[in-house]
Amino acid sequence: MKAATFSIALLLGSATALHAAPPVVIPSFPVAGTHTCSYPDAAQRDDVQGDVLVRYDVAADGRITNVVLVKSSGSSVLDKTALGCVSTRWKNTPATQDGIKIASPNHTARVSFKLPPGVPKEVFRIILALVILVVLACVVFWRRDPPAI
C-alpha cells in the first residue's frame, strides 16, 4: 500500500508542475525620439542614400549594446554613422520577466537614410553653370559698350 501512495504523490507533484503559469515577458521597446540618426553631411552632399541593417542587444537598464552591422548600405559613411548613432543615441525600455528587468539579445533594426525629393544635383549644376555664363556675358558686354548716362 505504501508503494501505491508514493506513486500517486509523484503523479500529483508532476501534474502541479505542468500547470504552473508561464512567465510573463514584456519585450523591450524603443524610447520615443531616440531612434533617429542625423544624415551625414558628406553623404547628403554626394546624394548618397541607403538602408543599414544592424543587430543589437538591450541591457537590463535599457542601454543598447553589442551593435553590429548585418547588411551594409553600400556606403561606409552611412554604415559608420548608423553604427555610431545606434550605439550612442538609441535607448530602449528593458524587457521584463515577471516584473523583473532583463537583458534581451538579438534585436534588428533598419536605419534608413533617404534624401527628400528635390532638384537633382545634375540639374542644379547645369542651372548654376548657365547663371555663371550669363553673368560673365553681361560683364564682358558692359566692358565693351558701357551705357551712356
C-alpha atoms as a PDB file:
ATOM      1  CA  MET A   1       0.000   0.000   0.000  1.00  0.00           C
ATOM      2  CA  LYS A   2       2.864   2.371   0.700  1.00  0.00           C
ATOM      3  CA  ALA A   3       4.204   1.938  -2.864  1.00  0.00           C
ATOM      4  CA  ALA A   4       0.831   2.913  -4.304  1.00  0.00           C
ATOM      5  CA  THR A   5       0.632   6.031  -2.119  1.00  0.00           C
ATOM      6  CA  PHE A   6       4.129   7.049  -3.114  1.00  0.00           C
ATOM      7  CA  SER A   7       3.422   6.764  -6.871  1.00  0.00           C
ATOM      8  CA  ILE A   8       0.197   8.770  -6.534  1.00  0.00           C
ATOM      9  CA  ALA A   9       2.107  11.554  -4.793  1.00  0.00           C
ATOM     10  CA  LEU A  10       4.670  11.612  -7.609  1.00  0.00           C
ATOM     11  CA  LEU A  11       1.928  11.842 -10.187  1.00  0.00           C
ATOM     12  CA  LEU A  12       0.219  14.683  -8.332  1.00  0.00           C
ATOM     13  CA  GLY A  13       3.512  16.560  -7.983  1.00  0.00           C
ATOM     14  CA  SER A  14       4.171  16.227 -11.730  1.00  0.00           C
ATOM     15  CA  ALA A  15       0.692  17.466 -12.593  1.00  0.00           C
ATOM     16  CA  THR A  16       1.142  20.550 -10.413  1.00  0.00           C
ATOM     17  CA  ALA A  17       4.440  21.399 -12.133  1.00  0.00           C
ATOM     18  CA  LEU A  18       2.855  21.016 -15.562  1.00  0.00           C
ATOM     19  CA  HIS A  19       0.108  23.523 -14.738  1.00  0.00           C
ATOM     20  CA  ALA A  20       2.401  26.279 -13.434  1.00  0.00           C
ATOM     21  CA  ALA A  21       1.756  29.612 -15.161  1.00  0.00           C
ATOM     22  CA  PRO A  22       4.300  30.530 -17.838  1.00  0.00           C
ATOM     23  CA  PRO A  23       6.453  33.579 -17.062  1.00  0.00           C
ATOM     24  CA  VAL A  24       5.024  36.911 -18.170  1.00  0.00           C
ATOM     25  CA  VAL A  25       7.554  38.502 -20.545  1.00  0.00           C
ATOM     26  CA  ILE A  26       7.145  42.056 -21.816  1.00  0.00           C
ATOM     27  CA  PRO A  27       9.518  42.822 -24.693  1.00  0.00           C
ATOM     28  CA  SER A  28      11.864  45.778 -24.991  1.00  0.00           C
ATOM     29  CA  PHE A  29      10.543  48.847 -26.827  1.00  0.00           C
ATOM     30  CA  PRO A  30      12.257  51.916 -28.307  1.00  0.00           C
ATOM     31  CA  VAL A  31      12.131  55.088 -26.220  1.00  0.00           C
ATOM     32  CA  ALA A  32      10.296  57.719 -28.272  1.00  0.00           C
ATOM     33  CA  GLY A  33      12.516  60.244 -30.010  1.00  0.00           C
ATOM     34  CA  THR A  34      15.776  58.340 -29.549  1.00  0.00           C
ATOM     35  CA  HIS A  35      15.681  56.123 -32.635  1.00  0.00           C
ATOM     36  CA  THR A  36      16.624  58.768 -35.188  1.00  0.00           C
ATOM     37  CA  CYS A  37      20.025  59.307 -36.779  1.00  0.00           C
ATOM     38  CA  SER A  38      21.352  62.504 -38.351  1.00  0.00           C
ATOM     39  CA  TYR A  39      22.149  62.420 -42.056  1.00  0.00           C
ATOM     40  CA  PRO A  40      25.930  62.662 -42.564  1.00  0.00           C
ATOM     41  CA  ASP A  41      26.869  65.893 -44.374  1.00  0.00           C
ATOM     42  CA  ALA A  42      29.273  64.145 -46.758  1.00  0.00           C
ATOM     43  CA  ALA A  43      26.628  61.610 -47.799  1.00  0.00           C
ATOM     44  CA  GLN A  44      23.995  64.303 -48.239  1.00  0.00           C
ATOM     45  CA  ARG A  45      26.356  66.447 -50.306  1.00  0.00           C
ATOM     46  CA  ASP A  46      27.158  63.468 -52.567  1.00  0.00           C
ATOM     47  CA  ASP A  47      23.499  62.334 -52.860  1.00  0.00           C
ATOM     48  CA  VAL A  48      24.252  59.044 -51.092  1.00  0.00           C
ATOM     49  CA  GLN A  49      21.208  57.174 -49.797  1.00  0.00           C
ATOM     50  CA  GLY A  50      20.616  53.716 -48.404  1.00  0.00           C
ATOM     51  CA  ASP A  51      19.471  51.397 -45.640  1.00  0.00           C
ATOM     52  CA  VAL A  52      21.721  49.928 -42.958  1.00  0.00           C
ATOM     53  CA  LEU A  53      20.618  46.772 -41.133  1.00  0.00           C
ATOM     54  CA  VAL A  54      22.009  46.455 -37.599  1.00  0.00           C
ATOM     55  CA  ARG A  55      21.692  43.930 -34.786  1.00  0.00           C
ATOM     56  CA  TYR A  56      21.972  44.903 -31.127  1.00  0.00           C
ATOM     57  CA  ASP A  57      21.254  43.771 -27.591  1.00  0.00           C
ATOM     58  CA  VAL A  58      19.307  45.677 -24.955  1.00  0.00           C
ATOM     59  CA  ALA A  59      20.774  45.570 -21.450  1.00  0.00           C
ATOM     60  CA  ALA A  60      18.619  45.261 -18.332  1.00  0.00           C
ATOM     61  CA  ASP A  61      18.915  49.043 -17.841  1.00  0.00           C
ATOM     62  CA  GLY A  62      17.765  49.800 -21.424  1.00  0.00           C
ATOM     63  CA  ARG A  63      21.217  50.609 -22.848  1.00  0.00           C
ATOM     64  CA  ILE A  64      21.958  49.441 -26.372  1.00  0.00           C
ATOM     65  CA  THR A  65      24.999  47.151 -26.513  1.00  0.00           C
ATOM     66  CA  ASN A  66      26.849  44.891 -28.959  1.00  0.00           C
ATOM     67  CA  VAL A  67      25.826  46.805 -32.082  1.00  0.00           C
ATOM     68  CA  VAL A  68      26.941  45.033 -35.265  1.00  0.00           C
ATOM     69  CA  LEU A  69      26.427  45.600 -38.970  1.00  0.00           C
ATOM     70  CA  VAL A  70      24.210  42.933 -40.531  1.00  0.00           C
ATOM     71  CA  LYS A  71      23.783  44.426 -44.014  1.00  0.00           C
ATOM     72  CA  SER A  72      25.670  47.377 -45.465  1.00  0.00           C
ATOM     73  CA  SER A  73      24.030  50.252 -47.278  1.00  0.00           C
ATOM     74  CA  GLY A  74      26.896  50.180 -49.764  1.00  0.00           C
ATOM     75  CA  SER A  75      28.309  53.377 -48.245  1.00  0.00           C
ATOM     76  CA  SER A  76      30.885  53.195 -45.468  1.00  0.00           C
ATOM     77  CA  VAL A  77      29.854  56.715 -44.382  1.00  0.00           C
ATOM     78  CA  LEU A  78      26.227  55.665 -43.858  1.00  0.00           C
ATOM     79  CA  ASP A  79      27.242  52.365 -42.220  1.00  0.00           C
ATOM     80  CA  LYS A  80      29.581  54.062 -39.705  1.00  0.00           C
ATOM     81  CA  THR A  81      27.018  56.764 -38.967  1.00  0.00           C
ATOM     82  CA  ALA A  82      24.291  54.184 -38.292  1.00  0.00           C
ATOM     83  CA  LEU A  83      26.515  52.064 -36.013  1.00  0.00           C
ATOM     84  CA  GLY A  84      27.641  55.122 -34.043  1.00  0.00           C
ATOM     85  CA  CYS A  85      24.130  56.514 -33.755  1.00  0.00           C
ATOM     86  CA  VAL A  86      22.588  53.240 -32.571  1.00  0.00           C
ATOM     87  CA  SER A  87      25.420  52.751 -30.062  1.00  0.00           C
ATOM     88  CA  THR A  88      25.227  56.233 -28.553  1.00  0.00           C
ATOM     89  CA  ARG A  89      21.792  57.795 -29.167  1.00  0.00           C
ATOM     90  CA  TRP A  90      19.300  54.962 -29.103  1.00  0.00           C
ATOM     91  CA  LYS A  91      17.587  53.951 -25.874  1.00  0.00           C
ATOM     92  CA  ASN A  92      15.084  51.188 -25.181  1.00  0.00           C
ATOM     93  CA  THR A  93      12.890  50.205 -22.295  1.00  0.00           C
ATOM     94  CA  PRO A  94      14.268  46.955 -20.909  1.00  0.00           C
ATOM     95  CA  ALA A  95      12.341  43.745 -21.342  1.00  0.00           C
ATOM     96  CA  THR A  96      10.788  42.346 -18.177  1.00  0.00           C
ATOM     97  CA  GLN A  97      10.035  38.853 -16.992  1.00  0.00           C
ATOM     98  CA  ASP A  98       7.527  38.623 -14.153  1.00  0.00           C
ATOM     99  CA  GLY A  99       8.182  42.314 -13.431  1.00  0.00           C
ATOM    100  CA  ILE A 100      11.984  41.962 -13.273  1.00  0.00           C
ATOM    101  CA  LYS A 101      14.079  43.883 -15.818  1.00  0.00           C
ATOM    102  CA  ILE A 102      16.083  41.536 -18.038  1.00  0.00           C
ATOM    103  CA  ALA A 103      18.514  41.867 -20.929  1.00  0.00           C
ATOM    104  CA  SER A 104      17.182  40.944 -24.355  1.00  0.00           C
ATOM    105  CA  PRO A 105      19.558  39.990 -27.172  1.00  0.00           C
ATOM    106  CA  ASN A 106      19.391  39.954 -30.967  1.00  0.00           C
ATOM    107  CA  HIS A 107      17.192  42.894 -31.875  1.00  0.00           C
ATOM    108  CA  THR A 108      17.424  44.027 -35.502  1.00  0.00           C
ATOM    109  CA  ALA A 109      16.653  47.418 -36.957  1.00  0.00           C
ATOM    110  CA  ARG A 110      16.878  49.159 -40.292  1.00  0.00           C
ATOM    111  CA  VAL A 111      18.366  52.652 -40.287  1.00  0.00           C
ATOM    112  CA  SER A 112      17.211  54.446 -43.451  1.00  0.00           C
ATOM    113  CA  PHE A 113      18.984  57.404 -44.968  1.00  0.00           C
ATOM    114  CA  LYS A 114      16.706  58.948 -47.621  1.00  0.00           C
ATOM    115  CA  LEU A 115      17.121  62.387 -49.122  1.00  0.00           C
ATOM    116  CA  PRO A 116      13.999  64.485 -49.546  1.00  0.00           C
ATOM    117  CA  PRO A 117      12.769  64.827 -53.114  1.00  0.00           C
ATOM    118  CA  GLY A 118      14.083  67.903 -54.845  1.00  0.00           C
ATOM    119  CA  VAL A 119      16.036  69.131 -57.792  1.00  0.00           C
ATOM    120  CA  PRO A 120      18.628  66.534 -58.778  1.00  0.00           C
ATOM    121  CA  LYS A 121      22.194  67.744 -58.311  1.00  0.00           C
ATOM    122  CA  GLU A 122      22.989  67.493 -62.016  1.00  0.00           C
ATOM    123  CA  VAL A 123      20.118  69.840 -62.891  1.00  0.00           C
ATOM    124  CA  PHE A 124      21.249  72.234 -60.163  1.00  0.00           C
ATOM    125  CA  ARG A 125      24.818  72.185 -61.518  1.00  0.00           C
ATOM    126  CA  ILE A 126      23.619  72.890 -65.069  1.00  0.00           C
ATOM    127  CA  ILE A 127      21.479  75.820 -63.891  1.00  0.00           C
ATOM    128  CA  LEU A 128      24.393  77.188 -61.868  1.00  0.00           C
ATOM    129  CA  ALA A 129      26.710  76.934 -64.886  1.00  0.00           C
ATOM    130  CA  LEU A 130      24.171  78.785 -67.051  1.00  0.00           C
ATOM    131  CA  VAL A 131      23.804  81.557 -64.459  1.00  0.00           C
ATOM    132  CA  ILE A 132      27.587  81.966 -64.325  1.00  0.00           C
ATOM    133  CA  LEU A 133      27.773  82.148 -68.142  1.00  0.00           C
ATOM    134  CA  VAL A 134      25.051  84.816 -68.258  1.00  0.00           C
ATOM    135  CA  VAL A 135      26.814  86.878 -65.591  1.00  0.00           C
ATOM    136  CA  LEU A 136      30.138  86.612 -67.452  1.00  0.00           C
ATOM    137  CA  ALA A 137      28.468  87.604 -70.728  1.00  0.00           C
ATOM    138  CA  CYS A 138      26.937  90.659 -69.041  1.00  0.00           C
ATOM    139  CA  VAL A 139      30.310  91.694 -67.600  1.00  0.00           C
ATOM    140  CA  VAL A 140      32.015  91.331 -70.984  1.00  0.00           C
ATOM    141  CA  PHE A 141      29.228  93.268 -72.724  1.00  0.00           C
ATOM    142  CA  TRP A 142      29.331  96.011 -70.063  1.00  0.00           C
ATOM    143  CA  ARG A 143      33.074  96.484 -70.540  1.00  0.00           C
ATOM    144  CA  ARG A 144      32.832  96.741 -74.349  1.00  0.00           C
ATOM    145  CA  ASP A 145      29.894  99.084 -74.534  1.00  0.00           C
ATOM    146  CA  PRO A 146      29.046 100.780 -71.229  1.00  0.00           C
ATOM    147  CA  PRO A 147      25.711 102.552 -71.235  1.00  0.00           C
ATOM    148  CA  ALA A 148      25.754 106.327 -71.672  1.00  0.00           C
ATOM    149  CA  ILE A 149      24.344 108.074 -68.685  1.00  0.00           C
END
